[in-house]
Each structure stands twice: as structure tokens, then as C-alpha cells.
Protein backbone atom coordinates (compact mmCIF):
# COMPACT_ATOMS: atom_id res chain seq x y z
CA MET A 1 113.67 -31.62 5.12
CA PRO A 2 113.99 -27.96 6.07
CA VAL A 3 115.66 -27.14 9.35
CA ILE A 4 114.37 -23.62 9.64
CA GLY A 5 112.63 -21.16 7.36
CA LEU A 6 113.85 -17.58 7.06
CA GLY A 7 110.65 -16.15 8.57
CA LEU A 8 110.97 -18.28 11.69
CA GLN A 9 114.67 -17.54 11.95
CA GLU A 10 113.86 -13.83 11.96
CA ALA A 11 111.05 -14.36 14.48
CA PHE A 12 113.50 -15.88 16.96
CA ARG A 13 116.02 -13.12 16.33
CA ALA A 14 113.27 -10.59 17.10
CA ILE A 15 112.50 -12.39 20.35
CA ASN A 16 116.18 -12.41 21.33
CA PRO A 17 118.75 -10.71 19.07
CA GLU A 18 121.52 -12.67 20.79
CA VAL A 19 120.11 -16.10 19.93
CA THR A 20 122.18 -18.23 17.56
CA VAL A 21 119.82 -19.80 15.04
CA GLU A 22 120.97 -21.39 11.82
CA SER A 23 119.24 -21.68 8.47
CA ALA A 24 120.16 -24.61 6.25
CA GLU A 25 118.62 -26.26 3.25
CA ASN A 26 118.14 -29.61 4.95
CA LEU A 27 119.10 -31.73 7.95
CA PHE A 28 121.61 -33.73 5.95
CA THR A 29 123.57 -30.53 5.32
CA VAL A 30 123.65 -29.70 9.01
CA LEU A 31 124.62 -33.25 10.00
CA SER A 32 127.28 -33.81 7.34
CA SER A 33 128.77 -30.47 6.29
CA PRO A 34 132.19 -29.56 7.71
CA ALA A 35 130.91 -25.98 7.90
CA TYR A 36 128.77 -27.01 10.88
CA HIS A 37 131.38 -29.26 12.46
CA ASP A 38 132.43 -26.94 15.29
CA HIS A 39 129.27 -24.86 15.60
CA ARG A 40 127.39 -24.39 18.82
CA PHE A 41 123.77 -23.39 18.43
CA ASP A 42 121.39 -22.26 21.13
CA LEU A 43 118.50 -23.59 19.11
CA VAL A 44 117.94 -25.88 16.14
CA ILE A 45 114.46 -25.89 14.68
CA ALA A 46 113.64 -29.08 12.82
CA ALA A 47 110.63 -29.41 10.54
CA PRO A 48 109.33 -32.39 8.61
CA PRO A 49 108.80 -31.97 4.88
CA ASN A 50 105.50 -30.33 3.94
CA ASP A 51 103.86 -33.65 3.15
CA GLY A 52 105.63 -35.59 5.90
CA LEU A 53 104.55 -36.58 9.36
CA ALA A 54 106.18 -35.27 12.50
CA MET A 55 107.20 -38.83 13.41
CA ASP A 56 109.36 -38.97 10.24
CA ILE A 57 111.76 -36.51 11.80
CA LEU A 58 112.52 -38.33 15.07
CA GLN A 59 115.55 -40.21 13.73
CA PRO A 60 117.18 -37.07 12.29
CA VAL A 61 116.45 -35.33 15.60
CA THR A 62 118.29 -38.13 17.41
CA ASP A 63 121.23 -37.54 15.04
CA LEU A 64 121.06 -33.79 15.69
CA ARG A 65 121.09 -34.45 19.44
CA GLU A 66 124.26 -36.54 19.06
CA LYS A 67 125.99 -33.87 16.96
CA PHE A 68 124.86 -30.92 19.10
CA PRO A 69 124.34 -32.35 22.62
CA ASP A 70 123.89 -28.97 24.35
CA THR A 71 121.54 -27.48 21.77
CA ARG A 72 117.80 -27.10 22.38
CA ILE A 73 115.73 -28.77 19.63
CA LEU A 74 112.31 -27.50 18.67
CA LEU A 75 110.13 -29.66 16.43
CA PHE A 76 108.14 -27.30 14.22
CA ALA A 77 105.34 -29.29 12.60
CA GLU A 78 101.98 -28.96 10.93
CA SER A 79 100.88 -32.52 11.63
CA TYR A 80 99.74 -33.73 15.04
CA ASP A 81 101.22 -36.99 16.22
CA PRO A 82 100.35 -37.91 19.81
CA SER A 83 103.29 -40.29 20.07
CA ILE A 84 105.66 -37.33 19.57
CA ILE A 85 104.47 -35.92 22.89
CA GLU A 86 105.14 -39.24 24.60
CA LYS A 87 108.54 -39.69 22.93
CA MET A 88 109.81 -36.13 23.23
CA LYS A 89 112.25 -36.77 26.05
CA PRO A 90 113.79 -40.04 24.76
CA ALA A 91 114.03 -38.62 21.22
CA GLY A 92 115.70 -35.44 22.44
CA VAL A 93 112.92 -33.05 21.38
CA ASP A 94 112.68 -30.07 23.72
CA ALA A 95 109.61 -28.41 22.19
CA TYR A 96 106.81 -29.44 19.84
CA VAL A 97 105.21 -26.38 18.24
CA HIS A 98 102.45 -26.17 15.65
CA LYS A 99 103.49 -24.41 12.44
CA TYR A 100 100.57 -21.97 12.54
CA GLU A 101 100.89 -20.84 16.14
CA PRO A 102 101.09 -17.04 16.60
CA VAL A 103 104.39 -15.31 17.38
CA GLU A 104 103.39 -15.03 21.06
CA GLU A 105 103.40 -18.84 21.22
CA LEU A 106 106.95 -18.83 19.80
CA ARG A 107 107.93 -16.34 22.53
CA THR A 108 106.51 -18.66 25.17
CA ALA A 109 108.31 -21.64 23.64
CA TYR A 110 111.56 -19.69 23.59
CA ARG A 111 111.20 -18.57 27.22
CA LYS A 112 110.52 -22.15 28.32
CA LEU A 113 113.47 -23.50 26.32
CA ALA A 114 115.78 -20.76 27.63
CA GLY A 115 114.71 -21.75 31.15
CA GLY A 116 115.62 -25.38 30.51
CA GLU A 117 112.00 -26.58 30.30
CA SER A 118 110.35 -28.62 27.58
CA TYR A 119 107.31 -27.18 25.84
CA ILE A 120 104.25 -28.30 23.87
CA SER A 121 102.44 -25.57 21.94
CA GLY A 122 98.89 -24.59 22.76
CA ILE A 123 97.29 -26.43 19.85
CA PHE A 124 99.10 -29.72 20.42
CA HIS A 125 98.68 -29.45 24.20
CA THR A 126 94.92 -28.89 23.87
CA VAL A 127 94.42 -31.74 21.42
CA TYR A 128 96.48 -34.15 23.54
CA PHE A 129 95.40 -33.23 27.07
CA LYS A 130 91.97 -31.59 26.74
CA TYR A 131 90.55 -33.75 23.97
CA GLY A 132 92.48 -36.88 24.95
CA MET A 133 93.84 -37.54 21.48
CA ASN A 134 96.66 -39.75 22.71
CA PRO A 135 97.71 -43.14 21.27
CA ALA A 136 95.71 -45.13 23.84
CA PHE A 137 92.54 -43.18 23.06
CA ILE A 138 93.05 -43.49 19.32
CA GLN A 139 93.66 -47.24 19.61
CA ARG A 140 90.46 -47.71 21.67
CA GLN A 141 88.51 -45.76 19.09
CA ASP A 142 89.52 -47.83 16.04
CA ASP A 143 85.93 -48.92 15.43
CA LEU A 144 84.41 -45.55 16.23
CA LEU A 145 83.94 -43.17 13.33
CA ILE A 146 82.93 -39.60 13.92
CA SER A 147 81.04 -38.14 11.01
CA VAL A 148 82.05 -34.62 10.10
CA GLY A 149 79.96 -32.47 7.81
CA ASN A 150 81.38 -29.95 5.35
CA ALA A 151 80.81 -26.98 7.70
CA GLN A 152 82.52 -28.80 10.58
CA ARG A 153 85.39 -29.88 8.33
CA GLU A 154 86.05 -26.27 7.21
CA VAL A 155 86.01 -24.99 10.78
CA LEU A 156 88.15 -27.83 12.17
CA LEU A 157 90.78 -27.48 9.44
CA LEU A 158 91.16 -23.78 10.21
CA LEU A 159 91.19 -24.49 13.94
CA CYS A 160 93.99 -27.05 13.45
CA GLN A 161 95.94 -24.37 11.59
CA GLY A 162 95.91 -22.30 14.76
CA ARG A 163 93.22 -19.82 13.75
CA THR A 164 91.09 -18.19 16.44
CA PHE A 165 87.30 -18.42 16.40
CA GLU A 166 87.19 -14.77 15.27
CA GLN A 167 89.59 -15.45 12.38
CA ILE A 168 87.61 -18.53 11.34
CA ALA A 169 84.36 -16.56 11.41
CA GLY A 170 85.94 -13.89 9.20
CA THR A 171 87.45 -16.39 6.76
CA LEU A 172 84.23 -18.39 6.39
CA GLN A 173 82.01 -15.30 6.65
CA LYS A 174 79.89 -16.89 9.38
CA PRO A 175 78.76 -15.51 12.73
CA LEU A 176 81.12 -16.09 15.64
CA ALA A 177 78.35 -17.85 17.59
CA GLU A 178 77.95 -20.37 14.76
CA ILE A 179 81.67 -21.16 14.77
CA ALA A 180 81.57 -21.71 18.55
CA ARG A 181 78.49 -23.94 18.17
CA ILE A 182 80.18 -26.06 15.46
CA VAL A 183 83.27 -26.60 17.61
CA GLN A 184 81.16 -27.36 20.70
CA HIS A 185 79.07 -29.87 18.71
CA PHE A 186 82.21 -31.63 17.46
CA SER A 187 83.72 -31.62 20.96
CA ALA A 188 80.55 -33.27 22.29
CA LYS A 189 80.93 -36.03 19.66
CA LEU A 190 84.43 -36.72 20.97
């Protein structure tokens, strides 16, 4: 379970050269190693394993919060879990950021965290608040299936990775208007 990747560590150092960010192989190392016993970090970035769900990391985050009570904790995840947003505060998560957000989104997250605020990245915020993909909505929709064609699936996967409409159009070699139409059509189904 990686705590922080080198690229992200360097991104936060570029945002603020004074920030104390640690790279470690896994959360167990950070929680159990004597080397981290007396450390004080400004920020710990926790990420679930590549094939894991964001929810899988909540218990280790609770343990991190106990070990480093004054540290800000950013959950850096690829998977969307609406219950993370609802459990952020009790679990001790200060920010929930999508893995494929641009560096500007990391800057915003850092500014919010430095100001003592919690933060939800643009992708997760949009999916939760704009499209209503929260646990109550999902539970009500158990019997409702939304069919997604191959073209929609390709576009939605890239969109969930944080790509812009322009980037998706370039990747799929389709007109920008077609990408917008596909997303609008899917949004109407929701």
C-alpha cells in the first residue's frame, strides 16, 4: 500500500519547497518503523493499492491519524467511493483527490489543506454533488441499469481518469462536439 509516489512527492515540493513530505514503501513501514517514531510531517499522502478500493485504506488512515495527530492526510485514489466523502471527517481524511487530476488540482488541494480546510478534488466533487452519485442514490438505483455502449464506455473511462474533453477527443481521434454529445447523452440517462 504505497504512501506516496516519487512523482507526487516532487509535485508537492514544487508547490512548496518547505513542505515536509515523506516517501515510504508502505503504510506498515510508516506506522511501525522506529525511523518514523518522532517525525512530524506536514502532509501524509495515502493511496490504496492499484487494484484496491479507496475504502480499503480507511483503517490505516485512522492508524496514521493516531500516530501523527497534527498531520494533514490526503487520500490519493483512482477509485470513486461515495462513502469516503461522507466518512472523511470521522476517518481523519483531510482531502480526497483523484489520481489523474492535473497539478493545478494538487495546488488547490495543498492551499486548502494549508489553510486548515478539507478538500474533495474536482472529479470526485462533480461525481458526488453534480451527478448525485452518493450512497443513497446508488442504493435507490439497485434495480436500474444504465446501458453504456462501447463509444460511451471509452469516453467515460477517460473522463474518470481526469482527462479533458479536448484530451479525450485527441486520444480517441473523434471531434470535440461528438465527445460533448456522448457525455451529455450519458448525463441525461442519469
